[in-house]
Amino acid sequence: MKIKYNAPTTLTFSFFCALIVLLDQWVLPGLTRAFFTAPDTASFNLVDPLTYLRLFTHIAGHADWSHLMSNLAYILLLGPMLEETYGSLTMFLMIIVTGFVTGVLNACFFPHPLLGASGVVFMMILLASFTNHGKRDVPLTFILIVILYLGQEIQQAFKGDDISQFAHLAGGLCGSLFGFFKPERKTPQLKNT
């Protein structure tokens, strides 16, 4: 028996996020703030190339280990299943697109910087509810997930905490759109026995 690197995109992303927190807390304090935080409306700089990079990289930055672990619990649970269904490259592209969408929306509309993979988590949650359903069907699981998860986020948005419920909603919207428009699914390979 051997350990298999079964979900390359999910695992690589997870290890990269952990490396960023490790470096930020032990070796290069300020790394996350400098390179892995999406800008807010006030700090978006049209002429700074780093600003555009941070629209993507914020999904790898986390405030601390607790923040990272709460996101990785979902990513490591849902990511391998989704990666097997859609393929590693498609999963990578969905993560990047979700990060970009949440980063751009934050830079356009919100007064606080954004960091973390919560948008990616919500993308995966909503996308997972679409797995294994017909092309013209709207799965009941999707409707229930929208009510439970996104409904809770809308309610929490009025509490005024440091959590970006908007990023969760935007990530959920991305996952919903990916599910509705179904990226080309990876076809299972039959094994010769």
C-alpha atoms as a PDB file:
ATOM      1  CA  MET A   1       0.000   0.000   0.000  1.00  0.00           C
ATOM      2  CA  LYS A   2       1.277   3.500  -0.869  1.00  0.00           C
ATOM      3  CA  ILE A   3       0.108   7.063  -0.379  1.00  0.00           C
ATOM      4  CA  LYS A   4      -1.285   8.535  -3.592  1.00  0.00           C
ATOM      5  CA  TYR A   5      -1.301  12.218  -4.538  1.00  0.00           C
ATOM      6  CA  ASN A   6      -4.915  11.728  -5.595  1.00  0.00           C
ATOM      7  CA  ALA A   7      -6.061  15.301  -6.248  1.00  0.00           C
ATOM      8  CA  PRO A   8      -3.111  17.344  -7.545  1.00  0.00           C
ATOM      9  CA  THR A   9      -4.876  20.706  -7.796  1.00  0.00           C
ATOM     10  CA  THR A  10      -6.585  20.427  -4.414  1.00  0.00           C
ATOM     11  CA  LEU A  11      -3.516  19.144  -2.605  1.00  0.00           C
ATOM     12  CA  THR A  12      -1.073  21.571  -4.224  1.00  0.00           C
ATOM     13  CA  PHE A  13      -3.359  24.504  -3.450  1.00  0.00           C
ATOM     14  CA  SER A  14      -3.747  23.325   0.155  1.00  0.00           C
ATOM     15  CA  PHE A  15      -0.008  22.859   0.682  1.00  0.00           C
ATOM     16  CA  PHE A  16       0.699  26.249  -0.908  1.00  0.00           C
ATOM     17  CA  CYS A  17      -1.773  27.975   1.437  1.00  0.00           C
ATOM     18  CA  ALA A  18      -0.157  26.254   4.428  1.00  0.00           C
ATOM     19  CA  LEU A  19       3.303  27.327   3.234  1.00  0.00           C
ATOM     20  CA  ILE A  20       2.162  30.959   2.992  1.00  0.00           C
ATOM     21  CA  VAL A  21       0.836  30.919   6.589  1.00  0.00           C
ATOM     22  CA  LEU A  22       4.016  29.213   7.801  1.00  0.00           C
ATOM     23  CA  LEU A  23       6.263  31.747   6.069  1.00  0.00           C
ATOM     24  CA  ASP A  24       4.144  34.683   7.199  1.00  0.00           C
ATOM     25  CA  GLN A  25       4.134  33.635  10.835  1.00  0.00           C
ATOM     26  CA  TRP A  26       7.685  32.313  11.224  1.00  0.00           C
ATOM     27  CA  VAL A  27      10.007  33.610   8.498  1.00  0.00           C
ATOM     28  CA  LEU A  28       8.608  36.615   6.585  1.00  0.00           C
ATOM     29  CA  PRO A  29       6.123  38.547   8.719  1.00  0.00           C
ATOM     30  CA  GLY A  30       3.947  40.721   6.489  1.00  0.00           C
ATOM     31  CA  LEU A  31       4.147  38.363   3.498  1.00  0.00           C
ATOM     32  CA  THR A  32       0.394  37.770   3.487  1.00  0.00           C
ATOM     33  CA  ARG A  33      -0.448  41.470   3.719  1.00  0.00           C
ATOM     34  CA  ALA A  34       2.034  42.361   0.947  1.00  0.00           C
ATOM     35  CA  PHE A  35       1.281  39.645  -1.619  1.00  0.00           C
ATOM     36  CA  PHE A  36      -1.772  37.598  -0.589  1.00  0.00           C
ATOM     37  CA  THR A  37      -4.462  40.152   0.243  1.00  0.00           C
ATOM     38  CA  ALA A  38      -6.891  41.537  -2.343  1.00  0.00           C
ATOM     39  CA  PRO A  39      -6.986  45.322  -2.332  1.00  0.00           C
ATOM     40  CA  ASP A  40      -9.976  47.308  -1.149  1.00  0.00           C
ATOM     41  CA  THR A  41     -11.497  50.283  -2.946  1.00  0.00           C
ATOM     42  CA  ALA A  42      -9.062  52.751  -1.368  1.00  0.00           C
ATOM     43  CA  SER A  43      -5.859  50.765  -1.948  1.00  0.00           C
ATOM     44  CA  PHE A  44      -6.472  49.605  -5.537  1.00  0.00           C
ATOM     45  CA  ASN A  45      -3.638  51.101  -7.595  1.00  0.00           C
ATOM     46  CA  LEU A  46      -4.219  51.072 -11.357  1.00  0.00           C
ATOM     47  CA  VAL A  47      -0.508  51.391 -12.205  1.00  0.00           C
ATOM     48  CA  ASP A  48       0.895  48.817  -9.764  1.00  0.00           C
ATOM     49  CA  PRO A  49       1.175  45.328 -11.347  1.00  0.00           C
ATOM     50  CA  LEU A  50       1.204  43.767  -7.866  1.00  0.00           C
ATOM     51  CA  THR A  51      -2.328  45.045  -7.320  1.00  0.00           C
ATOM     52  CA  TYR A  52      -3.552  42.923 -10.236  1.00  0.00           C
ATOM     53  CA  LEU A  53      -1.639  39.857  -9.047  1.00  0.00           C
ATOM     54  CA  ARG A  54      -3.209  40.185  -5.599  1.00  0.00           C
ATOM     55  CA  LEU A  55      -6.669  39.930  -7.209  1.00  0.00           C
ATOM     56  CA  PHE A  56      -5.771  36.254  -7.701  1.00  0.00           C
ATOM     57  CA  THR A  57      -3.346  35.454  -4.887  1.00  0.00           C
ATOM     58  CA  HIS A  58      -5.563  36.531  -1.988  1.00  0.00           C
ATOM     59  CA  ILE A  59      -7.121  33.046  -1.973  1.00  0.00           C
ATOM     60  CA  ALA A  60      -3.818  31.617  -0.721  1.00  0.00           C
ATOM     61  CA  GLY A  61      -3.408  34.110   2.132  1.00  0.00           C
ATOM     62  CA  HIS A  62      -4.957  33.427   5.532  1.00  0.00           C
ATOM     63  CA  ALA A  63      -4.929  35.419   8.764  1.00  0.00           C
ATOM     64  CA  ASP A  64      -3.729  32.481  10.868  1.00  0.00           C
ATOM     65  CA  TRP A  65      -3.761  28.690  11.213  1.00  0.00           C
ATOM     66  CA  SER A  66      -7.337  28.640  12.481  1.00  0.00           C
ATOM     67  CA  HIS A  67      -8.549  30.575   9.430  1.00  0.00           C
ATOM     68  CA  LEU A  68      -6.631  28.222   7.132  1.00  0.00           C
ATOM     69  CA  MET A  69      -7.866  25.044   8.848  1.00  0.00           C
ATOM     70  CA  SER A  70     -11.503  26.094   8.639  1.00  0.00           C
ATOM     71  CA  ASN A  71     -11.128  26.546   4.867  1.00  0.00           C
ATOM     72  CA  LEU A  72      -9.003  23.433   4.309  1.00  0.00           C
ATOM     73  CA  ALA A  73     -11.559  21.223   6.066  1.00  0.00           C
ATOM     74  CA  TYR A  74     -14.001  21.897   3.216  1.00  0.00           C
ATOM     75  CA  ILE A  75     -11.423  22.126   0.434  1.00  0.00           C
ATOM     76  CA  LEU A  76      -9.888  18.753   1.287  1.00  0.00           C
ATOM     77  CA  LEU A  77     -13.325  17.181   1.688  1.00  0.00           C
ATOM     78  CA  LEU A  78     -14.920  18.486  -1.519  1.00  0.00           C
ATOM     79  CA  GLY A  79     -11.914  19.199  -3.745  1.00  0.00           C
ATOM     80  CA  PRO A  80     -10.890  15.613  -4.550  1.00  0.00           C
ATOM     81  CA  MET A  81     -14.447  14.621  -5.512  1.00  0.00           C
ATOM     82  CA  LEU A  82     -14.852  17.689  -7.719  1.00  0.00           C
ATOM     83  CA  GLU A  83     -11.395  17.247  -9.206  1.00  0.00           C
ATOM     84  CA  GLU A  84     -12.189  13.647 -10.091  1.00  0.00           C
ATOM     85  CA  THR A  85     -15.447  14.763 -11.696  1.00  0.00           C
ATOM     86  CA  TYR A  86     -14.180  17.799 -13.618  1.00  0.00           C
ATOM     87  CA  GLY A  87     -10.456  17.127 -13.949  1.00  0.00           C
ATOM     88  CA  SER A  88      -7.447  18.826 -12.378  1.00  0.00           C
ATOM     89  CA  LEU A  89      -7.026  21.588 -14.960  1.00  0.00           C
ATOM     90  CA  THR A  90     -10.712  22.537 -14.888  1.00  0.00           C
ATOM     91  CA  MET A  91     -10.654  22.551 -11.081  1.00  0.00           C
ATOM     92  CA  PHE A  92      -7.586  24.819 -11.147  1.00  0.00           C
ATOM     93  CA  LEU A  93      -9.335  27.202 -13.557  1.00  0.00           C
ATOM     94  CA  MET A  94     -12.492  27.278 -11.412  1.00  0.00           C
ATOM     95  CA  ILE A  95     -10.414  28.148  -8.332  1.00  0.00           C
ATOM     96  CA  ILE A  96      -8.560  30.905 -10.209  1.00  0.00           C
ATOM     97  CA  VAL A  97     -11.734  32.366 -11.730  1.00  0.00           C
ATOM     98  CA  THR A  98     -13.463  32.358  -8.335  1.00  0.00           C
ATOM     99  CA  GLY A  99     -10.463  34.066  -6.750  1.00  0.00           C
ATOM    100  CA  PHE A 100     -10.389  36.698  -9.484  1.00  0.00           C
ATOM    101  CA  VAL A 101     -14.121  37.394  -9.274  1.00  0.00           C
ATOM    102  CA  THR A 102     -14.083  37.784  -5.495  1.00  0.00           C
ATOM    103  CA  GLY A 103     -10.908  39.904  -5.669  1.00  0.00           C
ATOM    104  CA  VAL A 104     -12.265  42.263  -8.329  1.00  0.00           C
ATOM    105  CA  LEU A 105     -15.614  42.681  -6.582  1.00  0.00           C
ATOM    106  CA  ASN A 106     -13.849  43.415  -3.307  1.00  0.00           C
ATOM    107  CA  ALA A 107     -11.601  46.005  -4.982  1.00  0.00           C
ATOM    108  CA  CYS A 108     -14.598  47.671  -6.602  1.00  0.00           C
ATOM    109  CA  PHE A 109     -17.058  47.756  -3.731  1.00  0.00           C
ATOM    110  CA  PHE A 110     -15.573  47.141  -0.285  1.00  0.00           C
ATOM    111  CA  PRO A 111     -13.508  49.263   2.118  1.00  0.00           C
ATOM    112  CA  HIS A 112     -11.547  46.354   3.640  1.00  0.00           C
ATOM    113  CA  PRO A 113      -8.857  44.113   2.090  1.00  0.00           C
ATOM    114  CA  LEU A 114      -9.789  40.485   1.449  1.00  0.00           C
ATOM    115  CA  LEU A 115      -7.838  37.321   2.151  1.00  0.00           C
ATOM    116  CA  GLY A 116      -8.571  33.627   2.354  1.00  0.00           C
ATOM    117  CA  ALA A 117     -10.136  30.847   0.351  1.00  0.00           C
ATOM    118  CA  SER A 118     -13.673  31.158   1.702  1.00  0.00           C
ATOM    119  CA  GLY A 119     -14.990  32.127  -1.719  1.00  0.00           C
ATOM    120  CA  VAL A 120     -13.368  28.985  -3.138  1.00  0.00           C
ATOM    121  CA  VAL A 121     -14.967  26.933  -0.345  1.00  0.00           C
ATOM    122  CA  PHE A 122     -18.431  28.247  -1.182  1.00  0.00           C
ATOM    123  CA  MET A 123     -17.788  27.681  -4.890  1.00  0.00           C
ATOM    124  CA  MET A 124     -16.994  24.041  -4.092  1.00  0.00           C
ATOM    125  CA  ILE A 125     -20.032  23.639  -1.821  1.00  0.00           C
ATOM    126  CA  LEU A 126     -22.454  24.868  -4.482  1.00  0.00           C
ATOM    127  CA  LEU A 127     -20.671  23.045  -7.297  1.00  0.00           C
ATOM    128  CA  ALA A 128     -20.751  19.783  -5.328  1.00  0.00           C
ATOM    129  CA  SER A 129     -24.533  19.983  -5.157  1.00  0.00           C
ATOM    130  CA  PHE A 130     -24.591  19.734  -8.966  1.00  0.00           C
ATOM    131  CA  THR A 131     -22.519  16.566  -9.182  1.00  0.00           C
ATOM    132  CA  ASN A 132     -24.270  13.653 -10.894  1.00  0.00           C
ATOM    133  CA  HIS A 133     -27.466  15.232 -12.172  1.00  0.00           C
ATOM    134  CA  GLY A 134     -29.087  15.535 -15.578  1.00  0.00           C
ATOM    135  CA  LYS A 135     -28.392  18.390 -17.964  1.00  0.00           C
ATOM    136  CA  ARG A 136     -31.839  19.977 -17.649  1.00  0.00           C
ATOM    137  CA  ASP A 137     -32.345  19.262 -13.963  1.00  0.00           C
ATOM    138  CA  VAL A 138     -31.970  21.641 -11.059  1.00  0.00           C
ATOM    139  CA  PRO A 139     -31.021  19.374  -8.186  1.00  0.00           C
ATOM    140  CA  LEU A 140     -32.990  19.739  -4.966  1.00  0.00           C
ATOM    141  CA  THR A 141     -29.656  19.506  -3.137  1.00  0.00           C
ATOM    142  CA  PHE A 142     -28.618  22.732  -4.875  1.00  0.00           C
ATOM    143  CA  ILE A 143     -31.784  24.527  -3.740  1.00  0.00           C
ATOM    144  CA  LEU A 144     -31.319  23.327  -0.157  1.00  0.00           C
ATOM    145  CA  ILE A 145     -27.641  24.317  -0.119  1.00  0.00           C
ATOM    146  CA  VAL A 146     -28.536  27.795  -1.394  1.00  0.00           C
ATOM    147  CA  ILE A 147     -31.123  28.153   1.357  1.00  0.00           C
ATOM    148  CA  LEU A 148     -28.874  26.791   4.118  1.00  0.00           C
ATOM    149  CA  TYR A 149     -25.459  28.188   3.276  1.00  0.00           C
ATOM    150  CA  LEU A 150     -26.109  31.331   1.290  1.00  0.00           C
ATOM    151  CA  GLY A 151     -29.188  32.240   3.311  1.00  0.00           C
ATOM    152  CA  GLN A 152     -27.063  32.087   6.446  1.00  0.00           C
ATOM    153  CA  GLU A 153     -24.407  34.280   4.811  1.00  0.00           C
ATOM    154  CA  ILE A 154     -26.988  36.917   3.889  1.00  0.00           C
ATOM    155  CA  GLN A 155     -28.235  36.914   7.474  1.00  0.00           C
ATOM    156  CA  GLN A 156     -24.654  37.110   8.857  1.00  0.00           C
ATOM    157  CA  ALA A 157     -23.817  40.039   6.557  1.00  0.00           C
ATOM    158  CA  PHE A 158     -25.813  42.364   8.796  1.00  0.00           C
ATOM    159  CA  LYS A 159     -23.826  41.491  11.949  1.00  0.00           C
ATOM    160  CA  GLY A 160     -20.784  43.607  11.054  1.00  0.00           C
ATOM    161  CA  ASP A 161     -17.964  41.132  11.781  1.00  0.00           C
ATOM    162  CA  ASP A 162     -14.600  40.771  10.007  1.00  0.00           C
ATOM    163  CA  ILE A 163     -15.826  37.961   7.770  1.00  0.00           C
ATOM    164  CA  SER A 164     -16.521  38.787   4.134  1.00  0.00           C
ATOM    165  CA  GLN A 165     -19.912  37.207   3.578  1.00  0.00           C
ATOM    166  CA  PHE A 166     -19.842  38.908   0.201  1.00  0.00           C
ATOM    167  CA  ALA A 167     -16.869  36.733  -0.847  1.00  0.00           C
ATOM    168  CA  HIS A 168     -18.838  33.678   0.281  1.00  0.00           C
ATOM    169  CA  LEU A 169     -21.843  34.780  -1.785  1.00  0.00           C
ATOM    170  CA  ALA A 170     -19.667  35.565  -4.816  1.00  0.00           C
ATOM    171  CA  GLY A 171     -17.924  32.189  -4.516  1.00  0.00           C
ATOM    172  CA  GLY A 172     -21.307  30.468  -4.237  1.00  0.00           C
ATOM    173  CA  LEU A 173     -22.471  32.307  -7.347  1.00  0.00           C
ATOM    174  CA  CYS A 174     -19.356  31.120  -9.217  1.00  0.00           C
ATOM    175  CA  GLY A 175     -19.989  27.526  -8.119  1.00  0.00           C
ATOM    176  CA  SER A 176     -23.626  27.820  -9.190  1.00  0.00           C
ATOM    177  CA  LEU A 177     -22.669  29.129 -12.613  1.00  0.00           C
ATOM    178  CA  PHE A 178     -20.025  26.433 -13.056  1.00  0.00           C
ATOM    179  CA  GLY A 179     -22.659  23.844 -12.133  1.00  0.00           C
ATOM    180  CA  PHE A 180     -25.338  25.273 -14.410  1.00  0.00           C
ATOM    181  CA  PHE A 181     -23.031  25.647 -17.382  1.00  0.00           C
ATOM    182  CA  LYS A 182     -21.244  22.377 -16.610  1.00  0.00           C
ATOM    183  CA  PRO A 183     -17.580  22.529 -17.514  1.00  0.00           C
ATOM    184  CA  GLU A 184     -16.665  19.562 -19.634  1.00  0.00           C
ATOM    185  CA  ARG A 185     -16.489  16.623 -17.296  1.00  0.00           C
ATOM    186  CA  LYS A 186     -13.584  14.289 -17.164  1.00  0.00           C
ATOM    187  CA  THR A 187     -14.660  10.935 -18.531  1.00  0.00           C
ATOM    188  CA  PRO A 188     -13.800   8.003 -16.294  1.00  0.00           C
ATOM    189  CA  GLN A 189     -11.210   5.658 -17.737  1.00  0.00           C
ATOM    190  CA  LEU A 190     -12.078   1.989 -17.829  1.00  0.00           C
ATOM    191  CA  LYS A 191      -9.385  -0.188 -16.395  1.00  0.00           C
ATOM    192  CA  ASN A 192      -8.370  -3.461 -17.988  1.00  0.00           C
ATOM    193  CA  THR A 193      -8.524  -6.333 -15.556  1.00  0.00           C
END
